[in-house]
Amino acid sequence: MIRPIQNAGCFVECLKRGSTKYLTSDGKVWNRTWKQDAKGRTYHCRSTCVFAADGKTFTYNWDFSEDGTSWKPWIKGLATRTGCSRT
């Protein structure tokens, strides 16, 4: 199920301000990888955001893995930029 999130513009800006070392983009598609600690374990994480032609809406998919090889879906959605300026 795709669910919209509010204030997606700030979500995108926060994503951009995160670890950009592992962020790749062709302008329309952003791919990001990182590691995240939770409950004493380290997980491999990856996300893909695909922007619509209007630059205001995008779909996103996040996955996680315990070993960096076998991936499981984590978050999926559709968002609309609502409040932050584009930088």
PDB file of N, CA and C in Angstrom:
ATOM      1  N   MET A   1       0.826  -1.174   0.000  1.00  0.00           N
ATOM      2  CA  MET A   1       0.000   0.000   0.000  1.00  0.00           C
ATOM      3  C   MET A   1       0.876   1.244   0.000  1.00  0.00           C
ATOM      4  N   ILE A   2       0.555   2.188  -0.834  1.00  0.00           N
ATOM      5  CA  ILE A   2       1.290   3.454  -0.879  1.00  0.00           C
ATOM      6  C   ILE A   2       0.531   4.470  -0.052  1.00  0.00           C
ATOM      7  N   ARG A   3       1.221   5.083   0.904  1.00  0.00           N
ATOM      8  CA  ARG A   3       0.605   6.067   1.789  1.00  0.00           C
ATOM      9  C   ARG A   3       1.319   7.399   1.645  1.00  0.00           C
ATOM     10  N   PRO A   4       0.574   8.496   1.539  1.00  0.00           N
ATOM     11  CA  PRO A   4       1.225   9.805   1.487  1.00  0.00           C
ATOM     12  C   PRO A   4       1.756  10.196   2.860  1.00  0.00           C
ATOM     13  N   ILE A   5       2.825  10.974   2.881  1.00  0.00           N
ATOM     14  CA  ILE A   5       3.310  11.519   4.140  1.00  0.00           C
ATOM     15  C   ILE A   5       3.213  13.031   4.069  1.00  0.00           C
ATOM     16  N   GLN A   6       3.003  13.671   5.188  1.00  0.00           N
ATOM     17  CA  GLN A   6       2.911  15.123   5.215  1.00  0.00           C
ATOM     18  C   GLN A   6       4.297  15.736   5.287  1.00  0.00           C
ATOM     19  N   ASN A   7       4.404  16.938   4.776  1.00  0.00           N
ATOM     20  CA  ASN A   7       5.644  17.712   4.787  1.00  0.00           C
ATOM     21  C   ASN A   7       6.799  16.952   4.146  1.00  0.00           C
ATOM     22  N   ALA A   8       6.526  16.356   3.015  1.00  0.00           N
ATOM     23  CA  ALA A   8       7.536  15.565   2.317  1.00  0.00           C
ATOM     24  C   ALA A   8       8.726  16.417   1.903  1.00  0.00           C
ATOM     25  N   GLY A   9       8.509  17.707   1.684  1.00  0.00           N
ATOM     26  CA  GLY A   9       9.630  18.568   1.312  1.00  0.00           C
ATOM     27  C   GLY A   9      10.723  18.527   2.359  1.00  0.00           C
ATOM     28  N   CYS A  10      10.329  18.624   3.618  1.00  0.00           N
ATOM     29  CA  CYS A  10      11.317  18.564   4.695  1.00  0.00           C
ATOM     30  C   CYS A  10      11.929  17.178   4.784  1.00  0.00           C
ATOM     31  N   PHE A  11      11.139  16.149   4.503  1.00  0.00           N
ATOM     32  CA  PHE A  11      11.666  14.788   4.463  1.00  0.00           C
ATOM     33  C   PHE A  11      12.789  14.694   3.436  1.00  0.00           C
ATOM     34  N   VAL A  12      12.551  15.245   2.265  1.00  0.00           N
ATOM     35  CA  VAL A  12      13.555  15.215   1.208  1.00  0.00           C
ATOM     36  C   VAL A  12      14.778  16.021   1.607  1.00  0.00           C
ATOM     37  N   GLU A  13      14.568  17.200   2.185  1.00  0.00           N
ATOM     38  CA  GLU A  13      15.697  18.024   2.590  1.00  0.00           C
ATOM     39  C   GLU A  13      16.525  17.311   3.653  1.00  0.00           C
ATOM     40  N   CYS A  14      15.865  16.641   4.593  1.00  0.00           N
ATOM     41  CA  CYS A  14      16.598  15.891   5.622  1.00  0.00           C
ATOM     42  C   CYS A  14      17.376  14.750   4.992  1.00  0.00           C
ATOM     43  N   LEU A  15      16.765  14.084   4.018  1.00  0.00           N
ATOM     44  CA  LEU A  15      17.452  12.998   3.325  1.00  0.00           C
ATOM     45  C   LEU A  15      18.696  13.530   2.624  1.00  0.00           C
ATOM     46  N   LYS A  16      18.572  14.688   1.981  1.00  0.00           N
ATOM     47  CA  LYS A  16      19.710  15.272   1.286  1.00  0.00           C
ATOM     48  C   LYS A  16      20.805  15.679   2.255  1.00  0.00           C
ATOM     49  N   ARG A  17      20.424  16.126   3.454  1.00  0.00           N
ATOM     50  CA  ARG A  17      21.409  16.593   4.420  1.00  0.00           C
ATOM     51  C   ARG A  17      22.026  15.461   5.220  1.00  0.00           C
ATOM     52  N   GLY A  18      21.511  14.257   5.059  1.00  0.00           N
ATOM     53  CA  GLY A  18      22.071  13.094   5.739  1.00  0.00           C
ATOM     54  C   GLY A  18      23.411  12.738   5.125  1.00  0.00           C
ATOM     55  N   SER A  19      23.810  11.527   5.256  1.00  0.00           N
ATOM     56  CA  SER A  19      25.087  11.075   4.733  1.00  0.00           C
ATOM     57  C   SER A  19      25.041  11.030   3.215  1.00  0.00           C
ATOM     58  N   THR A  20      25.471  12.110   2.573  1.00  0.00           N
ATOM     59  CA  THR A  20      25.449  12.160   1.112  1.00  0.00           C
ATOM     60  C   THR A  20      26.580  11.352   0.499  1.00  0.00           C
ATOM     61  N   LYS A  21      27.490  10.855   1.325  1.00  0.00           N
ATOM     62  CA  LYS A  21      28.575  10.020   0.818  1.00  0.00           C
ATOM     63  C   LYS A  21      28.009   8.813   0.070  1.00  0.00           C
ATOM     64  N   TYR A  22      26.861   8.335   0.508  1.00  0.00           N
ATOM     65  CA  TYR A  22      26.276   7.143  -0.093  1.00  0.00           C
ATOM     66  C   TYR A  22      24.994   7.452  -0.862  1.00  0.00           C
ATOM     67  N   LEU A  23      24.843   8.711  -1.290  1.00  0.00           N
ATOM     68  CA  LEU A  23      23.687   9.134  -2.054  1.00  0.00           C
ATOM     69  C   LEU A  23      24.095   9.310  -3.506  1.00  0.00           C
ATOM     70  N   THR A  24      23.394   8.628  -4.410  1.00  0.00           N
ATOM     71  CA  THR A  24      23.626   8.809  -5.837  1.00  0.00           C
ATOM     72  C   THR A  24      22.331   9.305  -6.465  1.00  0.00           C
ATOM     73  N   SER A  25      22.457  10.088  -7.521  1.00  0.00           N
ATOM     74  CA  SER A  25      21.282  10.652  -8.144  1.00  0.00           C
ATOM     75  C   SER A  25      21.555  10.950  -9.612  1.00  0.00           C
ATOM     76  N   ASP A  26      20.518  10.744 -10.426  1.00  0.00           N
ATOM     77  CA  ASP A  26      20.593  11.179 -11.813  1.00  0.00           C
ATOM     78  C   ASP A  26      19.668  12.376 -12.022  1.00  0.00           C
ATOM     79  N   GLY A  27      19.215  12.983 -10.919  1.00  0.00           N
ATOM     80  CA  GLY A  27      18.308  14.119 -10.974  1.00  0.00           C
ATOM     81  C   GLY A  27      16.873  13.715 -10.723  1.00  0.00           C
ATOM     82  N   LYS A  28      16.453  12.563 -11.221  1.00  0.00           N
ATOM     83  CA  LYS A  28      15.088  12.082 -11.030  1.00  0.00           C
ATOM     84  C   LYS A  28      15.033  10.961  -9.996  1.00  0.00           C
ATOM     85  N   VAL A  29      16.071  10.165  -9.920  1.00  0.00           N
ATOM     86  CA  VAL A  29      16.104   9.015  -9.013  1.00  0.00           C
ATOM     87  C   VAL A  29      17.242   9.195  -8.018  1.00  0.00           C
ATOM     88  N   TRP A  30      16.915   9.084  -6.735  1.00  0.00           N
ATOM     89  CA  TRP A  30      17.932   9.116  -5.681  1.00  0.00           C
ATOM     90  C   TRP A  30      18.046   7.727  -5.080  1.00  0.00           C
ATOM     91  N   ASN A  31      19.269   7.257  -4.950  1.00  0.00           N
ATOM     92  CA  ASN A  31      19.549   5.988  -4.284  1.00  0.00           C
ATOM     93  C   ASN A  31      20.489   6.268  -3.127  1.00  0.00           C
ATOM     94  N   ARG A  32      20.182   5.707  -1.967  1.00  0.00           N
ATOM     95  CA  ARG A  32      21.000   5.958  -0.785  1.00  0.00           C
ATOM     96  C   ARG A  32      21.175   4.656  -0.015  1.00  0.00           C
ATOM     97  N   THR A  33      22.359   4.443   0.525  1.00  0.00           N
ATOM     98  CA  THR A  33      22.624   3.288   1.385  1.00  0.00           C
ATOM     99  C   THR A  33      23.234   3.775   2.690  1.00  0.00           C
ATOM    100  N   TRP A  34      22.957   3.058   3.770  1.00  0.00           N
ATOM    101  CA  TRP A  34      23.513   3.400   5.075  1.00  0.00           C
ATOM    102  C   TRP A  34      23.371   2.199   5.996  1.00  0.00           C
ATOM    103  N   LYS A  35      23.975   2.303   7.154  1.00  0.00           N
ATOM    104  CA  LYS A  35      23.824   1.298   8.198  1.00  0.00           C
ATOM    105  C   LYS A  35      23.128   1.944   9.380  1.00  0.00           C
ATOM    106  N   GLN A  36      22.310   1.168  10.049  1.00  0.00           N
ATOM    107  CA  GLN A  36      21.546   1.691  11.172  1.00  0.00           C
ATOM    108  C   GLN A  36      21.548   0.677  12.310  1.00  0.00           C
ATOM    109  N   ASP A  37      21.792   1.165  13.514  1.00  0.00           N
ATOM    110  CA  ASP A  37      21.785   0.314  14.695  1.00  0.00           C
ATOM    111  C   ASP A  37      20.396   0.333  15.329  1.00  0.00           C
ATOM    112  N   ALA A  38      19.914  -0.857  15.702  1.00  0.00           N
ATOM    113  CA  ALA A  38      18.628  -0.974  16.387  1.00  0.00           C
ATOM    114  C   ALA A  38      18.642  -2.228  17.248  1.00  0.00           C
ATOM    115  N   LYS A  39      18.281  -2.063  18.507  1.00  0.00           N
ATOM    116  CA  LYS A  39      18.188  -3.180  19.438  1.00  0.00           C
ATOM    117  C   LYS A  39      19.465  -4.020  19.475  1.00  0.00           C
ATOM    118  N   GLY A  40      20.611  -3.334  19.470  1.00  0.00           N
ATOM    119  CA  GLY A  40      21.888  -4.016  19.581  1.00  0.00           C
ATOM    120  C   GLY A  40      22.395  -4.679  18.315  1.00  0.00           C
ATOM    121  N   ARG A  41      21.741  -4.451  17.199  1.00  0.00           N
ATOM    122  CA  ARG A  41      22.164  -5.036  15.920  1.00  0.00           C
ATOM    123  C   ARG A  41      22.387  -3.926  14.907  1.00  0.00           C
ATOM    124  N   THR A  42      23.220  -4.202  13.923  1.00  0.00           N
ATOM    125  CA  THR A  42      23.465  -3.258  12.834  1.00  0.00           C
ATOM    126  C   THR A  42      22.793  -3.795  11.575  1.00  0.00           C
ATOM    127  N   TYR A  43      21.996  -2.955  10.940  1.00  0.00           N
ATOM    128  CA  TYR A  43      21.278  -3.331   9.729  1.00  0.00           C
ATOM    129  C   TYR A  43      21.801  -2.528   8.546  1.00  0.00           C
ATOM    130  N   HIS A  44      21.845  -3.152   7.401  1.00  0.00           N
ATOM    131  CA  HIS A  44      22.130  -2.481   6.133  1.00  0.00           C
ATOM    132  C   HIS A  44      20.795  -1.927   5.642  1.00  0.00           C
ATOM    133  N   CYS A  45      20.804  -0.695   5.159  1.00  0.00           N
ATOM    134  CA  CYS A  45      19.577  -0.064   4.688  1.00  0.00           C
ATOM    135  C   CYS A  45      19.829   0.553   3.314  1.00  0.00           C
ATOM    136  N   ARG A  46      18.765   0.627   2.529  1.00  0.00           N
ATOM    137  CA  ARG A  46      18.860   1.287   1.223  1.00  0.00           C
ATOM    138  C   ARG A  46      17.515   1.914   0.905  1.00  0.00           C
ATOM    139  N   SER A  47      17.553   2.986   0.150  1.00  0.00           N
ATOM    140  CA  SER A  47      16.315   3.656  -0.246  1.00  0.00           C
ATOM    141  C   SER A  47      16.429   4.123  -1.690  1.00  0.00           C
ATOM    142  N   THR A  48      15.275   4.188  -2.337  1.00  0.00           N
ATOM    143  CA  THR A  48      15.169   4.731  -3.679  1.00  0.00           C
ATOM    144  C   THR A  48      13.995   5.694  -3.695  1.00  0.00           C
ATOM    145  N   CYS A  49      14.227   6.918  -4.155  1.00  0.00           N
ATOM    146  CA  CYS A  49      13.170   7.912  -4.334  1.00  0.00           C
ATOM    147  C   CYS A  49      13.127   8.266  -5.819  1.00  0.00           C
ATOM    148  N   VAL A  50      11.937   8.188  -6.404  1.00  0.00           N
ATOM    149  CA  VAL A  50      11.762   8.519  -7.816  1.00  0.00           C
ATOM    150  C   VAL A  50      10.834   9.723  -7.904  1.00  0.00           C
ATOM    151  N   PHE A  51      11.354  10.825  -8.437  1.00  0.00           N
ATOM    152  CA  PHE A  51      10.600  12.073  -8.523  1.00  0.00           C
ATOM    153  C   PHE A  51       9.793  12.150  -9.810  1.00  0.00           C
ATOM    154  N   ALA A  52       8.584  12.696  -9.687  1.00  0.00           N
ATOM    155  CA  ALA A  52       7.742  12.950 -10.857  1.00  0.00           C
ATOM    156  C   ALA A  52       8.295  14.155 -11.617  1.00  0.00           C
ATOM    157  N   ALA A  53       7.809  14.349 -12.825  1.00  0.00           N
ATOM    158  CA  ALA A  53       8.287  15.453 -13.664  1.00  0.00           C
ATOM    159  C   ALA A  53       8.054  16.815 -13.020  1.00  0.00           C
ATOM    160  N   ASP A  54       7.024  16.944 -12.176  1.00  0.00           N
ATOM    161  CA  ASP A  54       6.740  18.236 -11.546  1.00  0.00           C
ATOM    162  C   ASP A  54       7.718  18.572 -10.419  1.00  0.00           C
ATOM    163  N   GLY A  55       8.543  17.606  -9.988  1.00  0.00           N
ATOM    164  CA  GLY A  55       9.519  17.833  -8.936  1.00  0.00           C
ATOM    165  C   GLY A  55       8.914  17.977  -7.549  1.00  0.00           C
ATOM    166  N   LYS A  56       7.598  17.824  -7.437  1.00  0.00           N
ATOM    167  CA  LYS A  56       6.917  17.995  -6.156  1.00  0.00           C
ATOM    168  C   LYS A  56       6.453  16.680  -5.543  1.00  0.00           C
ATOM    169  N   THR A  57       6.300  15.669  -6.327  1.00  0.00           N
ATOM    170  CA  THR A  57       5.850  14.381  -5.805  1.00  0.00           C
ATOM    171  C   THR A  57       6.899  13.317  -6.102  1.00  0.00           C
ATOM    172  N   PHE A  58       6.946  12.307  -5.257  1.00  0.00           N
ATOM    173  CA  PHE A  58       7.868  11.205  -5.483  1.00  0.00           C
ATOM    174  C   PHE A  58       7.367   9.948  -4.798  1.00  0.00           C
ATOM    175  N   THR A  59       7.810   8.816  -5.308  1.00  0.00           N
ATOM    176  CA  THR A  59       7.567   7.543  -4.642  1.00  0.00           C
ATOM    177  C   THR A  59       8.868   7.150  -3.967  1.00  0.00           C
ATOM    178  N   TYR A  60       8.754   6.400  -2.881  1.00  0.00           N
ATOM    179  CA  TYR A  60       9.954   5.967  -2.183  1.00  0.00           C
ATOM    180  C   TYR A  60       9.795   4.524  -1.716  1.00  0.00           C
ATOM    181  N   ASN A  61      10.917   3.825  -1.707  1.00  0.00           N
ATOM    182  CA  ASN A  61      10.989   2.453  -1.223  1.00  0.00           C
ATOM    183  C   ASN A  61      12.241   2.333  -0.371  1.00  0.00           C
ATOM    184  N   TRP A  62      12.091   1.808   0.826  1.00  0.00           N
ATOM    185  CA  TRP A  62      13.226   1.553   1.709  1.00  0.00           C
ATOM    186  C   TRP A  62      13.251   0.065   2.014  1.00  0.00           C
ATOM    187  N   ASP A  63      14.439  -0.496   2.044  1.00  0.00           N
ATOM    188  CA  ASP A  63      14.629  -1.912   2.365  1.00  0.00           C
ATOM    189  C   ASP A  63      15.691  -2.029   3.453  1.00  0.00           C
ATOM    190  N   PHE A  64      15.694  -3.171   4.152  1.00  0.00           N
ATOM    191  CA  PHE A  64      16.739  -3.430   5.132  1.00  0.00           C
ATOM    192  C   PHE A  64      17.228  -4.863   4.994  1.00  0.00           C
ATOM    193  N   SER A  65      18.435  -5.098   5.505  1.00  0.00           N
ATOM    194  CA  SER A  65      19.045  -6.419   5.429  1.00  0.00           C
ATOM    195  C   SER A  65      19.906  -6.634   6.665  1.00  0.00           C
ATOM    196  N   GLU A  66      19.909  -7.842   7.159  1.00  0.00           N
ATOM    197  CA  GLU A  66      20.783  -8.169   8.285  1.00  0.00           C
ATOM    198  C   GLU A  66      22.186  -8.522   7.816  1.00  0.00           C
ATOM    199  N   ASP A  67      22.308  -8.999   6.572  1.00  0.00           N
ATOM    200  CA  ASP A  67      23.608  -9.441   6.075  1.00  0.00           C
ATOM    201  C   ASP A  67      24.111  -8.657   4.868  1.00  0.00           C
ATOM    202  N   GLY A  68      23.328  -7.709   4.363  1.00  0.00           N
ATOM    203  CA  GLY A  68      23.728  -6.921   3.199  1.00  0.00           C
ATOM    204  C   GLY A  68      23.481  -7.622   1.881  1.00  0.00           C
ATOM    205  N   THR A  69      22.861  -8.813   1.936  1.00  0.00           N
ATOM    206  CA  THR A  69      22.604  -9.593   0.730  1.00  0.00           C
ATOM    207  C   THR A  69      21.113  -9.865   0.537  1.00  0.00           C
ATOM    208  N   SER A  70      20.461 -10.337   1.571  1.00  0.00           N
ATOM    209  CA  SER A  70      19.033 -10.653   1.518  1.00  0.00           C
ATOM    210  C   SER A  70      18.243  -9.451   2.027  1.00  0.00           C
ATOM    211  N   TRP A  71      17.443  -8.838   1.154  1.00  0.00           N
ATOM    212  CA  TRP A  71      16.747  -7.597   1.482  1.00  0.00           C
ATOM    213  C   TRP A  71      15.271  -7.842   1.754  1.00  0.00           C
ATOM    214  N   LYS A  72      14.720  -7.063   2.697  1.00  0.00           N
ATOM    215  CA  LYS A  72      13.307  -7.123   3.047  1.00  0.00           C
ATOM    216  C   LYS A  72      12.723  -5.718   2.946  1.00  0.00           C
ATOM    217  N   PRO A  73      11.469  -5.599   2.484  1.00  0.00           N
ATOM    218  CA  PRO A  73      10.860  -4.266   2.407  1.00  0.00           C
ATOM    219  C   PRO A  73      10.666  -3.668   3.795  1.00  0.00           C
ATOM    220  N   TRP A  74      10.840  -2.342   3.876  1.00  0.00           N
ATOM    221  CA  TRP A  74      10.728  -1.651   5.151  1.00  0.00           C
ATOM    222  C   TRP A  74       9.642  -0.581   5.066  1.00  0.00           C
ATOM    223  N   ILE A  75       9.786   0.354   4.121  1.00  0.00           N
ATOM    224  CA  ILE A  75       8.840   1.460   3.967  1.00  0.00           C
ATOM    225  C   ILE A  75       8.588   1.667   2.478  1.00  0.00           C
ATOM    226  N   LYS A  76       7.344   1.964   2.130  1.00  0.00           N
ATOM    227  CA  LYS A  76       6.996   2.262   0.743  1.00  0.00           C
ATOM    228  C   LYS A  76       5.944   3.357   0.773  1.00  0.00           C
ATOM    229  N   GLY A  77       6.049   4.334  -0.117  1.00  0.00           N
ATOM    230  CA  GLY A  77       5.046   5.380  -0.087  1.00  0.00           C
ATOM    231  C   GLY A  77       5.094   6.345  -1.252  1.00  0.00           C
ATOM    232  N   LEU A  78       4.180   7.285  -1.193  1.00  0.00           N
ATOM    233  CA  LEU A  78       4.056   8.365  -2.155  1.00  0.00           C
ATOM    234  C   LEU A  78       3.999   9.653  -1.350  1.00  0.00           C
ATOM    235  N   ALA A  79       4.776  10.641  -1.734  1.00  0.00           N
ATOM    236  CA  ALA A  79       4.845  11.877  -0.963  1.00  0.00           C
ATOM    237  C   ALA A  79       4.731  13.080  -1.871  1.00  0.00           C
ATOM    238  N   THR A  80       4.324  14.201  -1.277  1.00  0.00           N
ATOM    239  CA  THR A  80       4.201  15.469  -1.973  1.00  0.00           C
ATOM    240  C   THR A  80       4.934  16.536  -1.181  1.00  0.00           C
ATOM    241  N   ARG A  81       5.797  17.284  -1.852  1.00  0.00           N
ATOM    242  CA  ARG A  81       6.535  18.380  -1.211  1.00  0.00           C
ATOM    243  C   ARG A  81       5.522  19.446  -0.806  1.00  0.00           C
ATOM    244  N   THR A  82       5.592  19.883   0.460  1.00  0.00           N
ATOM    245  CA  THR A  82       4.587  20.826   0.930  1.00  0.00           C
ATOM    246  C   THR A  82       5.133  22.100   1.558  1.00  0.00           C
ATOM    247  N   GLY A  83       6.370  22.101   2.087  1.00  0.00           N
ATOM    248  CA  GLY A  83       6.721  23.289   2.834  1.00  0.00           C
ATOM    249  C   GLY A  83       8.137  23.794   2.738  1.00  0.00           C
ATOM    250  N   CYS A  84       9.086  22.991   2.415  1.00  0.00           N
ATOM    251  CA  CYS A  84      10.483  23.439   2.402  1.00  0.00           C
ATOM    252  C   CYS A  84      10.858  23.892   1.001  1.00  0.00           C
ATOM    253  N   SER A  85      11.724  24.863   0.930  1.00  0.00           N
ATOM    254  CA  SER A  85      12.184  25.309  -0.374  1.00  0.00           C
ATOM    255  C   SER A  85      13.170  24.300  -0.932  1.00  0.00           C
ATOM    256  N   ARG A  86      13.227  24.223  -2.210  1.00  0.00           N
ATOM    257  CA  ARG A  86      14.140  23.305  -2.887  1.00  0.00           C
ATOM    258  C   ARG A  86      15.525  23.933  -2.930  1.00  0.00           C
ATOM    259  N   THR A  87      16.539  23.149  -2.552  1.00  0.00           N
ATOM    260  CA  THR A  87      17.907  23.691  -2.567  1.00  0.00           C
ATOM    261  C   THR A  87      18.744  22.945  -3.566  1.00  0.00           C
TER     262      THR A  87
END
